[in-house]
Structure formats: structure tokens, C-alpha cells
Amino acid sequence: MDENNNALKPPATLIDGCILASWIHYDPDQPRQVKSRSDILNAVFMRFSEGSYPRGTDTALATIKGDETWGDIYKEWFTNFNVGNGDYQVLIGTRLASLITDNIVMRDNFEDGFYKLVSPLSKQNIESVKNITLLIPQQGLKIPDLRLD
């Protein structure tokens, strides 16, 4: 909790990186690369709870050593992940809206509640996203804004 009794929330850049990483670790059988809100919520959940994405890809060093996960660091924010209007889902929705405003992600034209990248991430952008999502979890970490070209 902070001085105003609000649950501590992870840095926006970390959430953005986790959201975008769901497109890096995609299912090759899904060529359109369309993600549902549920897919995105689950991808961030896996990163925060287990320290990796499905199939153990891009596992953070801390997770390998058994140290804290981001979910442990931001426990009060993270524990209500399955509550529709809880802090977890509201923050993910806010970050998705920001990525839409920044013209990185867009709503899918065909299905409500589905999202896709405006354009594929460059190799440099993929490395930036991976570097953010592989940070060793620690409270108070100042993460610079994610700059995508």
C-alpha cells in the first residue's frame, strides 16, 4: 500500500511489455495474430505468476533461481486478477487503451474484444520488449518508457 492506502501497481512500461510480449510468444497456428482480451489478461497473469510465458519461453533469471515473481512484488494489485472491475483488469484495460492511442495495437475489425498489432514488431522492438519482461522482479524499479519505432 502507498501513503493513500492504494494497492501498489507495477510500472506501466512493465505492463505494456507483458502485453506486447503476448504477440512475440504467439501460436503459429494463428496467423492473424489476433488476441482476445482474455488472451492478453492470461499472458500478463502467466508472466506475473510464473515468470514466463506458455511453454516456459523467455524465463526470467529470478524465476529460475526461485526468487520472487512480479506477482509477489505487487501482491495486492495482482491477487484480484479474476475480478472484472478489480485493479488488475482495470490497469490492463488502461494500458491496452494507451497502446491503441499510441497506434501500436488496434481493435480487430471483425470481433469485439479482440486486438491485433497495427504492424509487426521490428527485431529491435522485440528485443526492447524482451529486455523489459526479463527484468528481475524488484520493488521500486524505475523502468524507462518503452520506445517503439
N, C-alpha and C. Protein backbone atom coordinates (compact mmCIF):
# COMPACT_ATOMS: atom_id res chain seq x y z
N MET A 1 0.83 -1.17 0.00
CA MET A 1 0.00 0.00 0.00
C MET A 1 0.88 1.24 0.00
N ASP A 2 0.39 2.28 -0.69
CA ASP A 2 1.10 3.54 -0.64
C ASP A 2 0.52 4.41 0.48
N GLU A 3 0.97 5.65 0.56
CA GLU A 3 0.52 6.51 1.65
C GLU A 3 -0.97 6.84 1.58
N ASN A 4 -1.62 6.62 0.45
CA ASN A 4 -3.06 6.86 0.30
C ASN A 4 -3.87 5.58 0.41
N ASN A 5 -3.26 4.51 0.90
CA ASN A 5 -3.90 3.20 1.04
C ASN A 5 -4.35 2.60 -0.29
N ASN A 6 -3.65 2.91 -1.35
CA ASN A 6 -3.91 2.31 -2.66
C ASN A 6 -2.95 1.14 -2.87
N ALA A 7 -3.42 0.12 -3.55
CA ALA A 7 -2.54 -1.01 -3.86
C ALA A 7 -1.42 -0.52 -4.78
N LEU A 8 -0.19 -0.92 -4.46
CA LEU A 8 0.93 -0.57 -5.34
C LEU A 8 0.73 -1.28 -6.67
N LYS A 9 0.93 -0.54 -7.75
CA LYS A 9 0.76 -1.10 -9.09
C LYS A 9 2.10 -1.15 -9.79
N PRO A 10 2.27 -2.12 -10.66
CA PRO A 10 3.53 -2.21 -11.41
C PRO A 10 3.67 -1.05 -12.38
N PRO A 11 4.90 -0.75 -12.78
CA PRO A 11 5.11 0.33 -13.74
C PRO A 11 4.37 0.05 -15.05
N ALA A 12 3.84 1.10 -15.65
CA ALA A 12 3.10 0.97 -16.91
C ALA A 12 3.95 0.31 -17.99
N THR A 13 5.24 0.64 -18.02
CA THR A 13 6.13 0.06 -19.03
C THR A 13 6.22 -1.45 -18.90
N LEU A 14 6.24 -1.96 -17.67
CA LEU A 14 6.27 -3.40 -17.46
C LEU A 14 5.00 -4.06 -17.99
N ILE A 15 3.85 -3.46 -17.70
CA ILE A 15 2.58 -3.99 -18.19
C ILE A 15 2.55 -3.94 -19.71
N ASP A 16 2.97 -2.81 -20.30
CA ASP A 16 3.00 -2.70 -21.77
C ASP A 16 3.88 -3.78 -22.37
N GLY A 17 5.04 -4.00 -21.78
CA GLY A 17 5.94 -5.04 -22.28
C GLY A 17 5.31 -6.42 -22.20
N CYS A 18 4.63 -6.71 -21.09
CA CYS A 18 3.97 -8.02 -20.94
C CYS A 18 2.84 -8.18 -21.94
N ILE A 19 2.09 -7.12 -22.18
CA ILE A 19 1.01 -7.18 -23.18
C ILE A 19 1.59 -7.45 -24.56
N LEU A 20 2.60 -6.68 -24.94
CA LEU A 20 3.19 -6.83 -26.28
C LEU A 20 3.90 -8.17 -26.44
N ALA A 21 4.44 -8.69 -25.36
CA ALA A 21 5.11 -9.99 -25.43
C ALA A 21 4.14 -11.10 -25.79
N SER A 22 2.85 -10.90 -25.55
CA SER A 22 1.89 -11.94 -25.94
C SER A 22 1.85 -12.11 -27.45
N TRP A 23 2.27 -11.09 -28.20
CA TRP A 23 2.38 -11.23 -29.65
C TRP A 23 3.71 -11.82 -30.07
N ILE A 24 4.71 -11.73 -29.23
CA ILE A 24 6.01 -12.33 -29.54
C ILE A 24 5.93 -13.84 -29.35
N HIS A 25 5.24 -14.26 -28.30
CA HIS A 25 5.12 -15.68 -27.99
C HIS A 25 3.77 -16.19 -28.47
N TYR A 26 3.58 -16.12 -29.76
CA TYR A 26 2.28 -16.44 -30.32
C TYR A 26 2.18 -17.89 -30.77
N ASP A 27 0.97 -18.27 -31.04
CA ASP A 27 0.68 -19.60 -31.56
C ASP A 27 0.84 -19.55 -33.08
N PRO A 28 1.78 -20.31 -33.66
CA PRO A 28 1.99 -20.24 -35.11
C PRO A 28 0.77 -20.69 -35.91
N ASP A 29 -0.16 -21.38 -35.27
CA ASP A 29 -1.38 -21.79 -35.97
C ASP A 29 -2.40 -20.65 -36.05
N GLN A 30 -2.07 -19.49 -35.51
CA GLN A 30 -2.97 -18.35 -35.52
C GLN A 30 -2.30 -17.22 -36.31
N PRO A 31 -2.29 -17.31 -37.64
CA PRO A 31 -1.51 -16.37 -38.44
C PRO A 31 -1.97 -14.92 -38.37
N ARG A 32 -3.24 -14.67 -38.04
CA ARG A 32 -3.70 -13.29 -37.98
C ARG A 32 -3.19 -12.55 -36.76
N GLN A 33 -2.69 -13.29 -35.79
CA GLN A 33 -2.14 -12.68 -34.59
C GLN A 33 -3.17 -11.83 -33.85
N VAL A 34 -4.40 -12.28 -33.82
CA VAL A 34 -5.45 -11.59 -33.10
C VAL A 34 -5.53 -12.17 -31.70
N LYS A 35 -5.55 -11.28 -30.71
CA LYS A 35 -5.59 -11.69 -29.31
C LYS A 35 -6.89 -11.20 -28.68
N SER A 36 -7.53 -12.07 -27.94
CA SER A 36 -8.71 -11.64 -27.20
C SER A 36 -8.24 -10.93 -25.92
N ARG A 37 -9.14 -10.19 -25.32
CA ARG A 37 -8.82 -9.56 -24.03
C ARG A 37 -8.41 -10.64 -23.03
N SER A 38 -9.08 -11.78 -23.08
CA SER A 38 -8.76 -12.89 -22.19
C SER A 38 -7.35 -13.42 -22.44
N ASP A 39 -6.96 -13.54 -23.73
CA ASP A 39 -5.60 -13.97 -24.07
C ASP A 39 -4.56 -13.04 -23.44
N ILE A 40 -4.82 -11.74 -23.53
CA ILE A 40 -3.88 -10.74 -23.02
C ILE A 40 -3.84 -10.80 -21.49
N LEU A 41 -5.00 -10.85 -20.86
CA LEU A 41 -5.04 -10.95 -19.40
C LEU A 41 -4.30 -12.19 -18.92
N ASN A 42 -4.47 -13.31 -19.62
CA ASN A 42 -3.80 -14.55 -19.24
C ASN A 42 -2.29 -14.49 -19.47
N ALA A 43 -1.86 -13.83 -20.54
CA ALA A 43 -0.42 -13.71 -20.81
C ALA A 43 0.26 -12.90 -19.72
N VAL A 44 -0.36 -11.79 -19.32
CA VAL A 44 0.22 -10.97 -18.25
C VAL A 44 0.19 -11.76 -16.94
N PHE A 45 -0.90 -12.48 -16.70
CA PHE A 45 -1.01 -13.31 -15.49
C PHE A 45 0.13 -14.33 -15.42
N MET A 46 0.39 -15.03 -16.52
CA MET A 46 1.47 -16.04 -16.54
C MET A 46 2.81 -15.39 -16.23
N ARG A 47 3.06 -14.24 -16.83
CA ARG A 47 4.34 -13.56 -16.61
C ARG A 47 4.48 -13.16 -15.15
N PHE A 48 3.40 -12.65 -14.56
CA PHE A 48 3.46 -12.18 -13.18
C PHE A 48 3.45 -13.33 -12.17
N SER A 49 2.80 -14.43 -12.50
CA SER A 49 2.70 -15.52 -11.53
C SER A 49 3.82 -16.54 -11.67
N GLU A 50 4.23 -16.84 -12.88
CA GLU A 50 5.20 -17.90 -13.11
C GLU A 50 6.54 -17.40 -13.62
N GLY A 51 6.59 -16.15 -14.04
CA GLY A 51 7.85 -15.59 -14.52
C GLY A 51 8.18 -15.97 -15.95
N SER A 52 7.25 -16.62 -16.65
CA SER A 52 7.49 -16.99 -18.04
C SER A 52 6.17 -17.00 -18.78
N TYR A 53 6.26 -17.22 -20.05
CA TYR A 53 5.08 -17.35 -20.89
C TYR A 53 4.80 -18.83 -21.13
N PRO A 54 3.71 -19.14 -21.77
CA PRO A 54 3.43 -20.57 -22.03
C PRO A 54 4.64 -21.26 -22.65
N ARG A 55 4.79 -22.49 -22.30
CA ARG A 55 5.90 -23.33 -22.75
C ARG A 55 7.25 -22.87 -22.19
N GLY A 56 7.22 -22.03 -21.12
CA GLY A 56 8.45 -21.64 -20.45
C GLY A 56 9.38 -20.76 -21.25
N THR A 57 8.87 -20.09 -22.29
CA THR A 57 9.74 -19.26 -23.10
C THR A 57 10.10 -17.98 -22.38
N ASP A 58 11.32 -17.54 -22.60
CA ASP A 58 11.82 -16.30 -22.01
C ASP A 58 11.59 -16.24 -20.51
N THR A 59 12.18 -17.18 -19.81
CA THR A 59 12.05 -17.23 -18.36
C THR A 59 13.07 -16.30 -17.72
N ALA A 60 12.60 -15.45 -16.81
CA ALA A 60 13.48 -14.52 -16.13
C ALA A 60 14.45 -15.27 -15.22
N LEU A 61 15.64 -14.75 -15.07
CA LEU A 61 16.68 -15.38 -14.24
C LEU A 61 16.18 -15.59 -12.82
N ALA A 62 15.46 -14.62 -12.26
CA ALA A 62 14.97 -14.74 -10.89
C ALA A 62 14.05 -15.94 -10.74
N THR A 63 13.25 -16.22 -11.75
CA THR A 63 12.33 -17.33 -11.71
C THR A 63 13.09 -18.65 -11.68
N ILE A 64 14.15 -18.73 -12.42
CA ILE A 64 14.98 -19.93 -12.46
C ILE A 64 15.58 -20.19 -11.07
N LYS A 65 15.99 -19.12 -10.39
CA LYS A 65 16.60 -19.25 -9.07
C LYS A 65 15.56 -19.41 -7.97
N GLY A 66 14.28 -19.23 -8.28
CA GLY A 66 13.23 -19.40 -7.29
C GLY A 66 12.94 -18.15 -6.48
N ASP A 67 13.41 -17.00 -6.93
CA ASP A 67 13.16 -15.75 -6.23
C ASP A 67 11.73 -15.27 -6.49
N GLU A 68 11.42 -14.11 -5.98
CA GLU A 68 10.09 -13.54 -6.13
C GLU A 68 9.71 -13.32 -7.59
N THR A 69 8.42 -13.39 -7.85
CA THR A 69 7.88 -13.03 -9.15
C THR A 69 7.31 -11.62 -9.05
N TRP A 70 6.94 -11.05 -10.19
CA TRP A 70 6.28 -9.74 -10.17
C TRP A 70 4.98 -9.82 -9.40
N GLY A 71 4.30 -10.95 -9.45
CA GLY A 71 3.06 -11.13 -8.70
C GLY A 71 3.29 -11.07 -7.20
N ASP A 72 4.45 -11.54 -6.74
CA ASP A 72 4.80 -11.44 -5.32
C ASP A 72 5.08 -9.99 -4.92
N ILE A 73 5.75 -9.27 -5.79
CA ILE A 73 6.12 -7.88 -5.52
C ILE A 73 4.86 -7.00 -5.43
N TYR A 74 3.93 -7.20 -6.36
CA TYR A 74 2.71 -6.39 -6.43
C TYR A 74 1.50 -7.23 -6.03
N LYS A 75 1.63 -7.91 -4.91
CA LYS A 75 0.64 -8.89 -4.47
C LYS A 75 -0.77 -8.33 -4.34
N GLU A 76 -0.93 -7.17 -3.71
CA GLU A 76 -2.28 -6.62 -3.51
C GLU A 76 -2.95 -6.30 -4.85
N TRP A 77 -2.18 -5.79 -5.79
CA TRP A 77 -2.72 -5.49 -7.11
C TRP A 77 -3.03 -6.78 -7.86
N PHE A 78 -2.16 -7.75 -7.74
CA PHE A 78 -2.23 -8.97 -8.54
C PHE A 78 -3.28 -9.97 -8.04
N THR A 79 -3.55 -10.00 -6.76
CA THR A 79 -4.42 -11.04 -6.22
C THR A 79 -5.85 -10.97 -6.72
N ASN A 80 -6.29 -9.84 -7.22
CA ASN A 80 -7.67 -9.76 -7.72
C ASN A 80 -7.73 -9.88 -9.25
N PHE A 81 -6.81 -10.65 -9.83
CA PHE A 81 -6.71 -10.76 -11.29
C PHE A 81 -8.00 -11.24 -11.95
N ASN A 82 -8.82 -12.00 -11.22
CA ASN A 82 -10.02 -12.57 -11.83
C ASN A 82 -11.28 -11.76 -11.54
N VAL A 83 -11.15 -10.59 -10.93
CA VAL A 83 -12.28 -9.71 -10.65
C VAL A 83 -12.43 -8.73 -11.81
N GLY A 84 -13.60 -8.74 -12.45
CA GLY A 84 -13.83 -7.93 -13.66
C GLY A 84 -13.49 -6.46 -13.53
N ASN A 85 -13.87 -5.82 -12.45
CA ASN A 85 -13.56 -4.40 -12.26
C ASN A 85 -12.47 -4.20 -11.21
N GLY A 86 -11.69 -5.23 -10.96
CA GLY A 86 -10.60 -5.14 -10.00
C GLY A 86 -9.42 -4.37 -10.58
N ASP A 87 -8.50 -4.00 -9.71
CA ASP A 87 -7.33 -3.21 -10.11
C ASP A 87 -6.55 -3.86 -11.26
N TYR A 88 -6.41 -5.18 -11.22
CA TYR A 88 -5.63 -5.89 -12.24
C TYR A 88 -6.23 -5.67 -13.63
N GLN A 89 -7.50 -6.02 -13.79
CA GLN A 89 -8.13 -5.92 -15.11
C GLN A 89 -8.30 -4.47 -15.56
N VAL A 90 -8.54 -3.57 -14.62
CA VAL A 90 -8.68 -2.15 -14.98
C VAL A 90 -7.34 -1.62 -15.52
N LEU A 91 -6.23 -1.96 -14.83
CA LEU A 91 -4.93 -1.48 -15.30
C LEU A 91 -4.58 -2.07 -16.66
N ILE A 92 -4.85 -3.34 -16.88
CA ILE A 92 -4.56 -3.95 -18.18
C ILE A 92 -5.39 -3.24 -19.26
N GLY A 93 -6.66 -2.98 -18.97
CA GLY A 93 -7.52 -2.26 -19.92
C GLY A 93 -7.02 -0.86 -20.21
N THR A 94 -6.53 -0.18 -19.18
CA THR A 94 -5.98 1.17 -19.35
C THR A 94 -4.73 1.14 -20.23
N ARG A 95 -3.88 0.15 -19.99
CA ARG A 95 -2.65 0.05 -20.79
C ARG A 95 -2.96 -0.34 -22.23
N LEU A 96 -3.96 -1.20 -22.43
CA LEU A 96 -4.38 -1.53 -23.80
C LEU A 96 -4.86 -0.28 -24.51
N ALA A 97 -5.67 0.52 -23.83
CA ALA A 97 -6.18 1.76 -24.42
C ALA A 97 -5.02 2.70 -24.77
N SER A 98 -4.00 2.75 -23.92
CA SER A 98 -2.84 3.59 -24.20
C SER A 98 -2.08 3.08 -25.43
N LEU A 99 -1.93 1.76 -25.54
CA LEU A 99 -1.26 1.19 -26.72
C LEU A 99 -2.06 1.44 -27.99
N ILE A 100 -3.38 1.51 -27.87
CA ILE A 100 -4.23 1.85 -29.02
C ILE A 100 -4.01 3.32 -29.39
N THR A 101 -4.02 4.20 -28.39
CA THR A 101 -3.79 5.62 -28.62
C THR A 101 -2.42 5.86 -29.27
N ASP A 102 -1.43 5.09 -28.86
CA ASP A 102 -0.07 5.22 -29.40
C ASP A 102 0.09 4.54 -30.76
N ASN A 103 -1.00 3.99 -31.29
CA ASN A 103 -1.02 3.36 -32.61
C ASN A 103 -0.09 2.15 -32.70
N ILE A 104 -0.01 1.39 -31.61
CA ILE A 104 0.78 0.17 -31.57
C ILE A 104 -0.14 -1.04 -31.69
N VAL A 105 -1.27 -0.97 -31.01
CA VAL A 105 -2.29 -2.02 -31.02
C VAL A 105 -3.58 -1.40 -31.54
N MET A 106 -4.39 -2.21 -32.18
CA MET A 106 -5.69 -1.74 -32.64
C MET A 106 -6.76 -2.79 -32.34
N ARG A 107 -7.98 -2.34 -32.28
CA ARG A 107 -9.09 -3.27 -32.11
C ARG A 107 -9.29 -4.02 -33.41
N ASP A 108 -9.63 -5.29 -33.31
CA ASP A 108 -9.90 -6.08 -34.50
C ASP A 108 -11.21 -5.62 -35.12
N ASN A 109 -11.24 -5.47 -36.42
CA ASN A 109 -12.44 -5.01 -37.12
C ASN A 109 -13.57 -6.02 -37.12
N PHE A 110 -13.25 -7.28 -36.90
CA PHE A 110 -14.23 -8.34 -37.07
C PHE A 110 -14.90 -8.79 -35.78
N GLU A 111 -14.19 -8.69 -34.67
CA GLU A 111 -14.74 -9.21 -33.42
C GLU A 111 -14.50 -8.23 -32.28
N ASP A 112 -15.55 -7.95 -31.53
CA ASP A 112 -15.45 -7.07 -30.37
C ASP A 112 -14.62 -7.75 -29.28
N GLY A 113 -13.76 -7.00 -28.60
CA GLY A 113 -12.95 -7.56 -27.53
C GLY A 113 -11.70 -8.26 -28.02
N PHE A 114 -11.35 -8.07 -29.28
CA PHE A 114 -10.15 -8.67 -29.85
C PHE A 114 -9.23 -7.57 -30.36
N TYR A 115 -7.92 -7.85 -30.28
CA TYR A 115 -6.91 -6.85 -30.61
C TYR A 115 -5.84 -7.46 -31.50
N LYS A 116 -5.18 -6.59 -32.25
CA LYS A 116 -4.03 -7.02 -33.05
C LYS A 116 -3.04 -5.87 -33.14
N LEU A 117 -1.81 -6.19 -33.51
CA LEU A 117 -0.80 -5.16 -33.69
C LEU A 117 -1.11 -4.36 -34.94
N VAL A 118 -0.83 -3.06 -34.91
CA VAL A 118 -1.02 -2.22 -36.08
C VAL A 118 -0.05 -2.68 -37.17
N SER A 119 1.18 -2.96 -36.80
CA SER A 119 2.17 -3.52 -37.72
C SER A 119 3.08 -4.45 -36.91
N PRO A 120 3.73 -5.40 -37.58
CA PRO A 120 4.59 -6.33 -36.84
C PRO A 120 5.68 -5.59 -36.08
N LEU A 121 6.06 -6.12 -34.94
CA LEU A 121 7.15 -5.53 -34.17
C LEU A 121 8.48 -5.80 -34.87
N SER A 122 9.32 -4.78 -34.94
CA SER A 122 10.65 -4.95 -35.53
C SER A 122 11.52 -5.78 -34.59
N LYS A 123 12.63 -6.27 -35.09
CA LYS A 123 13.56 -7.04 -34.24
C LYS A 123 14.03 -6.20 -33.05
N GLN A 124 14.27 -4.93 -33.29
CA GLN A 124 14.71 -4.03 -32.20
C GLN A 124 13.61 -3.88 -31.16
N ASN A 125 12.37 -3.73 -31.61
CA ASN A 125 11.25 -3.61 -30.67
C ASN A 125 11.05 -4.90 -29.89
N ILE A 126 11.20 -6.03 -30.55
CA ILE A 126 11.07 -7.32 -29.87
C ILE A 126 12.13 -7.42 -28.77
N GLU A 127 13.35 -7.01 -29.07
CA GLU A 127 14.42 -7.05 -28.06
C GLU A 127 14.10 -6.11 -26.89
N SER A 128 13.56 -4.94 -27.18
CA SER A 128 13.18 -4.00 -26.11
C SER A 128 12.12 -4.60 -25.20
N VAL A 129 11.10 -5.22 -25.81
CA VAL A 129 10.03 -5.85 -25.03
C VAL A 129 10.60 -6.98 -24.18
N LYS A 130 11.44 -7.82 -24.78
CA LYS A 130 12.04 -8.93 -24.03
C LYS A 130 12.90 -8.42 -22.87
N ASN A 131 13.67 -7.37 -23.11
CA ASN A 131 14.52 -6.83 -22.05
C ASN A 131 13.68 -6.36 -20.86
N ILE A 132 12.55 -5.76 -21.13
CA ILE A 132 11.68 -5.30 -20.04
C ILE A 132 11.07 -6.49 -19.31
N THR A 133 10.56 -7.46 -20.05
CA THR A 133 9.87 -8.57 -19.40
C THR A 133 10.82 -9.54 -18.71
N LEU A 134 12.10 -9.46 -19.01
CA LEU A 134 13.08 -10.34 -18.36
C LEU A 134 13.76 -9.69 -17.16
N LEU A 135 13.37 -8.47 -16.82
CA LEU A 135 13.94 -7.82 -15.65
C LEU A 135 13.68 -8.65 -14.40
N ILE A 136 14.65 -8.69 -13.52
CA ILE A 136 14.47 -9.41 -12.26
C ILE A 136 13.49 -8.61 -11.41
N PRO A 137 12.43 -9.26 -10.96
CA PRO A 137 11.40 -8.56 -10.18
C PRO A 137 11.97 -7.93 -8.91
N GLN A 138 11.67 -6.64 -8.75
CA GLN A 138 12.09 -5.92 -7.56
C GLN A 138 11.23 -4.68 -7.40
N GLN A 139 10.85 -4.40 -6.19
CA GLN A 139 10.02 -3.24 -5.92
C GLN A 139 10.83 -1.96 -6.08
N GLY A 140 10.17 -0.93 -6.58
CA GLY A 140 10.81 0.37 -6.73
C GLY A 140 11.67 0.51 -7.97
N LEU A 141 11.69 -0.49 -8.83
CA LEU A 141 12.48 -0.44 -10.04
C LEU A 141 11.94 0.65 -10.97
N LYS A 142 12.78 1.53 -11.42
CA LYS A 142 12.40 2.59 -12.36
C LYS A 142 12.70 2.08 -13.77
N ILE A 143 11.65 1.82 -14.52
CA ILE A 143 11.81 1.31 -15.88
C ILE A 143 11.52 2.44 -16.85
N PRO A 144 12.46 2.78 -17.74
CA PRO A 144 12.20 3.84 -18.70
C PRO A 144 11.06 3.48 -19.63
N ASP A 145 10.44 4.49 -20.21
CA ASP A 145 9.34 4.25 -21.14
C ASP A 145 9.79 3.34 -22.28
N LEU A 146 8.85 2.53 -22.73
CA LEU A 146 9.10 1.65 -23.86
C LEU A 146 9.00 2.48 -25.13
N ARG A 147 10.07 2.59 -25.85
CA ARG A 147 10.07 3.40 -27.08
C ARG A 147 10.08 2.45 -28.26
N LEU A 148 9.01 2.50 -29.02
CA LEU A 148 8.90 1.64 -30.19
C LEU A 148 8.97 2.50 -31.44
N ASP A 149 9.70 1.98 -32.44
CA ASP A 149 9.80 2.73 -33.69
C ASP A 149 8.71 2.36 -34.65
